[in-house]
Protein backbone atom coordinates (compact mmCIF):
# COMPACT_ATOMS: atom_id res chain seq x y z
CA MET A 1 12.53 -39.23 48.74
CA LEU A 2 12.83 -42.12 46.03
CA LYS A 3 9.94 -40.51 44.62
CA ARG A 4 10.99 -36.96 45.53
CA MET A 5 14.27 -36.66 43.04
CA PRO A 6 12.56 -38.25 39.47
CA VAL A 7 10.32 -35.27 39.59
CA LEU A 8 12.90 -32.68 40.60
CA GLN A 9 15.11 -33.70 38.19
CA PHE A 10 12.51 -33.72 35.65
CA TYR A 11 12.26 -29.92 36.45
CA PHE A 12 15.71 -29.04 36.39
CA ILE A 13 16.51 -30.63 33.23
CA ILE A 14 13.20 -28.91 31.63
CA LEU A 15 14.76 -25.48 32.86
CA LEU A 16 18.34 -26.58 32.08
CA SER A 17 17.87 -27.32 28.86
CA SER A 18 15.75 -24.38 28.58
CA LEU A 19 18.53 -22.27 29.67
CA LEU A 20 20.85 -24.07 26.90
CA VAL A 21 18.38 -23.18 24.01
CA LEU A 22 17.55 -19.71 25.34
CA GLY A 23 21.43 -19.00 25.06
CA TRP A 24 21.94 -20.51 21.44
CA LEU A 25 18.61 -18.20 21.08
CA ALA A 26 19.99 -15.04 22.24
CA PRO A 27 22.48 -13.42 19.55
CA SER A 28 20.59 -14.33 16.49
CA SER A 29 17.50 -12.31 18.23
CA LEU A 30 19.43 -9.41 20.40
CA HIS A 31 20.02 -7.36 17.13
CA ALA A 32 16.09 -7.92 16.17
CA GLN A 33 15.01 -6.51 19.26
CA GLN A 34 17.59 -3.51 19.49
CA PRO A 35 15.75 -0.33 19.03
CA ALA A 36 16.71 2.53 17.12
CA GLY A 37 19.67 4.24 18.71
CA ALA A 38 19.95 2.00 21.39
CA GLY A 39 23.04 1.93 22.98
CA THR A 40 23.15 6.14 22.92
CA GLY A 41 21.29 6.56 26.21
CA SER A 42 21.33 5.50 29.70
CA SER A 43 21.39 1.54 30.14
CA SER A 44 19.22 2.14 33.39
CA ALA A 45 16.00 2.62 31.16
CA ASN A 46 16.23 -1.48 29.99
CA LEU A 47 16.99 -2.44 33.61
CA PRO A 48 13.61 -4.78 35.24
CA ASP A 49 10.96 -2.38 37.06
CA SER A 50 12.71 1.20 36.24
CA PRO A 51 11.18 3.28 34.80
CA LYS A 52 11.95 3.82 30.80
CA PRO A 53 11.50 7.06 28.47
CA GLN A 54 7.92 8.37 27.54
CA GLN A 55 9.06 7.17 24.31
CA GLN A 56 6.28 4.86 24.14
CA ALA A 57 2.30 5.67 22.96
CA GLN A 58 0.81 8.21 25.30
CA PRO A 59 -2.62 7.86 26.86
CA ASN A 60 -4.80 9.76 24.85
CA THR A 61 -5.61 12.98 27.18
CA SER A 62 -9.19 13.34 26.04
CA MET A 63 -10.10 10.30 28.32
CA GLY A 64 -10.96 10.55 32.25
CA THR A 65 -8.68 9.70 34.73
CA THR A 66 -10.81 6.97 35.60
CA SER A 67 -11.73 5.86 32.16
CA ARG A 68 -10.59 2.31 31.53
CA PHE A 69 -8.53 1.15 28.65
CA ILE A 70 -6.85 -2.53 27.87
CA GLY A 71 -3.02 -1.99 27.65
CA TYR A 72 0.45 -2.69 28.25
CA ALA A 73 2.90 -2.21 31.25
CA LEU A 74 5.41 0.48 30.82
CA ASN A 75 8.12 -1.70 32.79
CA ARG A 76 8.31 -5.16 32.98
CA SER A 77 7.48 -6.91 35.74
CA ILE A 78 10.03 -9.82 37.63
CA PHE A 79 7.34 -11.21 39.46
CA PHE A 80 4.77 -12.10 36.48
CA PRO A 81 7.21 -12.11 33.83
CA ASP A 82 3.83 -12.32 31.10
CA ILE A 83 2.27 -8.95 31.77
CA ALA A 84 2.70 -7.45 28.32
CA HIS A 85 4.90 -4.51 28.40
CA SER A 86 5.32 -3.57 25.14
CA PRO A 87 2.30 -3.62 21.91
CA LYS A 88 4.73 -4.91 19.46
CA PRO A 89 3.66 -8.77 19.04
CA ILE A 90 6.82 -10.99 20.01
CA SER A 91 8.95 -13.58 18.33
CA THR A 92 9.39 -17.07 18.37
CA GLY A 93 12.65 -16.75 20.58
CA GLU A 94 11.17 -14.02 22.84
CA LYS A 95 8.22 -16.67 23.35
CA PHE A 96 10.80 -18.89 24.32
CA ARG A 97 12.16 -16.52 26.95
CA LEU A 98 9.14 -15.54 28.62
CA PHE A 99 8.79 -19.33 28.87
CA VAL A 100 12.17 -19.64 30.70
CA ASP A 101 11.16 -16.10 32.89
CA GLN A 102 7.84 -18.16 34.30
CA GLY A 103 9.54 -20.60 35.25
CA ILE A 104 11.90 -18.94 37.23
CA SER A 105 9.84 -16.23 38.73
CA PRO A 106 8.89 -16.14 42.04
CA ALA A 107 5.22 -15.82 41.15
CA TYR A 108 5.54 -19.75 39.50
CA LEU A 109 8.04 -20.72 43.04
CA LEU A 110 5.27 -19.16 45.02
CA GLY A 111 2.09 -20.78 43.24
CA SER A 112 3.78 -24.07 43.18
CA GLY A 113 4.32 -23.85 47.11
CA ILE A 114 0.80 -23.19 48.02
CA SER A 115 -0.31 -25.50 45.26
CA ALA A 116 1.79 -28.19 47.42
CA ALA A 117 0.79 -27.11 50.48
CA VAL A 118 -3.13 -27.31 49.73
CA ASN A 119 -2.48 -30.75 48.30
CA GLN A 120 -0.49 -31.91 51.38
CA ALA A 121 -3.71 -31.02 53.70
CA ASN A 122 -6.15 -32.90 50.86
CA ASN A 123 -3.22 -35.99 51.30
CA THR A 124 -3.42 -35.96 47.28
CA PRO A 125 -1.78 -38.09 46.38
CA GLY A 126 -2.49 -40.24 49.14
CA SER A 127 0.13 -42.54 48.42
CA THR A 128 2.93 -39.50 48.87
CA GLY A 129 2.58 -39.21 52.78
CA GLN A 130 2.95 -37.04 55.02
CA GLY A 131 6.37 -34.75 56.37
CA TRP A 132 8.71 -32.18 54.97
CA GLY A 133 10.24 -35.14 52.34
CA ALA A 134 6.38 -35.48 51.07
CA TYR A 135 5.82 -32.21 50.56
CA GLY A 136 8.90 -31.74 48.45
CA THR A 137 7.63 -34.56 46.27
CA ARG A 138 4.63 -32.59 46.54
CA PHE A 139 6.61 -29.52 45.50
CA GLY A 140 8.55 -31.05 42.78
CA TYR A 141 5.14 -31.83 41.18
CA SER A 142 3.27 -29.06 40.89
CA LEU A 143 6.76 -27.55 39.58
CA ALA A 144 7.28 -30.02 37.05
CA ARG A 145 3.73 -29.45 36.12
CA ALA A 146 3.69 -25.34 35.69
CA SER A 147 6.92 -25.79 33.65
CA SER A 148 5.52 -28.15 31.34
CA THR A 149 2.12 -25.96 31.12
CA SER A 150 4.25 -23.05 30.18
CA PHE A 151 6.47 -24.96 27.73
CA PHE A 152 3.59 -26.02 25.96
CA GLY A 153 1.20 -23.06 26.37
CA THR A 154 3.95 -19.86 26.50
CA PHE A 155 6.54 -21.26 24.04
CA ALA A 156 5.30 -24.59 21.68
CA PHE A 157 1.45 -23.86 21.09
CA ALA A 158 1.71 -20.00 20.81
CA SER A 159 4.42 -19.91 18.19
CA ALA A 160 2.72 -22.65 16.29
CA LEU A 161 -0.42 -21.18 16.46
CA HIS A 162 0.84 -17.53 16.14
CA GLN A 163 -0.72 -17.01 19.71
CA ASP A 164 0.65 -13.90 22.28
CA PRO A 165 0.98 -15.72 25.27
CA ARG A 166 1.28 -12.50 27.40
CA PHE A 167 -1.37 -10.99 29.09
CA PHE A 168 -2.65 -7.21 28.43
CA PRO A 169 -3.90 -5.62 31.14
CA GLU A 170 -6.84 -2.79 32.47
CA SER A 171 -6.32 0.67 33.46
CA ASN A 172 -7.97 1.47 36.59
CA PRO A 173 -9.91 -1.92 37.02
CA LYS A 174 -13.15 -1.74 38.71
CA PHE A 175 -13.07 -4.93 40.87
CA PHE A 176 -16.35 -6.78 39.03
CA HIS A 177 -15.48 -6.13 35.60
CA ALA A 178 -11.79 -7.27 36.85
CA LEU A 179 -13.07 -10.58 37.94
CA LYS A 180 -15.33 -10.50 34.57
CA TYR A 181 -12.09 -9.76 32.38
CA SER A 182 -9.69 -12.36 34.33
CA ALA A 183 -12.00 -15.05 33.31
CA VAL A 184 -12.43 -14.07 29.57
CA ARG A 185 -8.73 -13.63 29.07
CA ILE A 186 -8.19 -17.58 29.99
CA PHE A 187 -10.45 -18.54 26.48
CA VAL A 188 -9.48 -15.04 24.61
CA THR A 189 -6.26 -13.95 23.63
CA ARG A 190 -4.27 -12.13 20.95
CA ASN A 191 -2.97 -13.14 18.13
CA ASP A 192 0.22 -11.65 16.47
CA GLN A 193 -1.66 -9.80 14.36
CA GLY A 194 -2.58 -8.49 17.70
CA ARG A 195 -6.50 -9.10 16.83
CA ASP A 196 -8.94 -10.66 20.11
CA VAL A 197 -9.11 -15.05 18.98
CA PHE A 198 -9.92 -17.90 20.90
CA ASN A 199 -7.55 -19.13 23.25
CA SER A 200 -6.32 -22.31 22.07
CA SER A 201 -2.95 -22.39 22.76
CA GLY A 202 -3.36 -21.34 26.46
CA LEU A 203 -5.96 -24.17 26.89
CA LEU A 204 -4.10 -26.40 24.98
CA GLY A 205 -0.97 -25.74 27.01
CA PRO A 206 -2.51 -27.51 30.40
CA ALA A 207 -4.03 -30.12 28.81
CA ALA A 208 -0.63 -31.29 27.19
CA ALA A 209 0.68 -30.85 30.53
CA GLU A 210 -1.45 -33.02 32.10
CA ALA A 211 -0.85 -35.56 29.65
CA LEU A 212 2.54 -35.43 30.38
CA SER A 213 2.36 -35.69 33.96
CA ASN A 214 1.55 -39.59 33.40
CA ALA A 215 4.84 -40.15 33.53
CA TYR A 216 6.00 -39.04 36.50
CA LEU A 217 3.13 -38.47 38.88
CA PRO A 218 2.04 -41.52 41.00
CA THR A 219 -0.33 -44.47 39.29
CA SER A 220 -3.36 -43.14 41.53
CA GLU A 221 -2.84 -40.15 39.68
CA GLN A 222 -2.44 -41.44 36.11
CA THR A 223 -6.31 -41.68 35.60
CA ALA A 224 -8.86 -39.39 32.98
CA SER A 225 -11.06 -38.56 36.17
CA ARG A 226 -7.83 -37.10 37.95
CA ALA A 227 -6.38 -35.52 34.91
CA ALA A 228 -9.40 -33.72 34.09
CA ALA A 229 -9.66 -32.05 37.79
CA ARG A 230 -6.41 -31.30 37.57
CA TYR A 231 -6.54 -29.22 34.11
CA GLY A 232 -9.54 -27.70 36.00
CA SER A 233 -7.57 -26.96 38.79
CA ASP A 234 -4.92 -25.78 36.54
CA LEU A 235 -7.32 -23.34 34.76
CA ALA A 236 -8.83 -21.72 38.43
CA TRP A 237 -5.03 -21.08 39.33
CA ARG A 238 -4.88 -19.29 36.30
CA PHE A 239 -7.83 -16.91 36.44
CA ALA A 240 -6.61 -16.32 40.29
CA ALA A 241 -3.24 -15.44 39.00
CA ASN A 242 -4.96 -13.18 36.04
CA VAL A 243 -6.62 -11.18 38.66
CA PHE A 244 -3.47 -10.63 40.59
CA LYS A 245 -2.01 -9.38 37.21
CA GLU A 246 -5.11 -7.34 36.21
CA TYR A 247 -4.42 -5.16 39.64
CA TRP A 248 -0.30 -5.17 39.67
CA PRO A 249 0.69 -1.94 38.29
CA THR A 250 -2.10 -0.32 40.80
CA LEU A 251 -0.85 -2.49 43.82
CA PHE A 252 2.82 -1.19 42.72
CA ARG A 253 1.47 2.17 42.84
CA SER A 254 -0.39 2.34 46.29
CA MET A 255 2.48 0.94 47.56
CA HIS A 256 4.97 3.74 46.34
CA LEU A 257 7.36 0.51 44.62
CA GLN A 258 7.01 1.95 41.78
CA SER A 259 5.71 4.49 38.95
CA LEU A 260 4.12 1.63 37.01
CA LYS A 261 1.60 2.67 34.58
CA VAL A 262 -0.59 0.84 31.96
CA MET A 263 -0.29 2.43 28.22
CA PRO A 264 -3.14 2.24 26.11
CA MET A 265 -2.93 0.30 23.21
CA PRO A 266 -2.39 2.12 19.97
CA GLY A 267 -5.62 3.01 18.89
CA ASP A 268 -7.30 1.07 21.55
CA SER A 269 -8.49 3.63 23.95
CA SER A 270 -11.77 3.67 23.05
CA LYS A 271 -11.91 -0.23 24.66
CA PRO A 272 -14.30 -0.65 27.90
């Protein structure tokens, strides 16, 4: 219990501070985000997972139904907030909002729970022990590391380096190609001009988070080898998340939950 409270407090302090800053940023960025003619139509078009008017770029009709292209989802996702739902670049304020949304998203909470369960089974860190109290401690560690990774990678470094931290899915992904694309997007991202660049923000983010984790993890975890192992684990989790994000629109359609489509990037329909 003595170990669990500090790390949970650390996570909630980050989250609370983020919400306060987001509230300060929102008024100044709201007008810039408002599309032309906003407020004249139904407000339901702006709700998460609701169909939007077909005002975005339409798929190239010359493409076959099984053709692949890299694009963006028609609607924003609550489960995976970083799936791009617009081809336009996002501002610093929107990157901060994305970091906050990630911190409270079901994917982050579920991922932290699974990571804590794996560490519980492996008894890592060993000094944490076993039982529900120990699981709560490990869950807090995972939440704090995930939140820190998102803060540095999605907001701080992405803003400073002018990179886009979002994931742009493919339409009709094929399994092995999806695996390749998911791995490549760990090392490649888009910049704010829409060009593919080395994903320095995405790779520096977890590195900075693991350095910060030495402030609350047990002494046995505060070594270079353990930090490197956690960093590798962070990248492995990101790869798995990318695969899920590749298929998220397809899963929605197959389960008839939502007509969630991937729209082509303007001028980008010829990409494999």
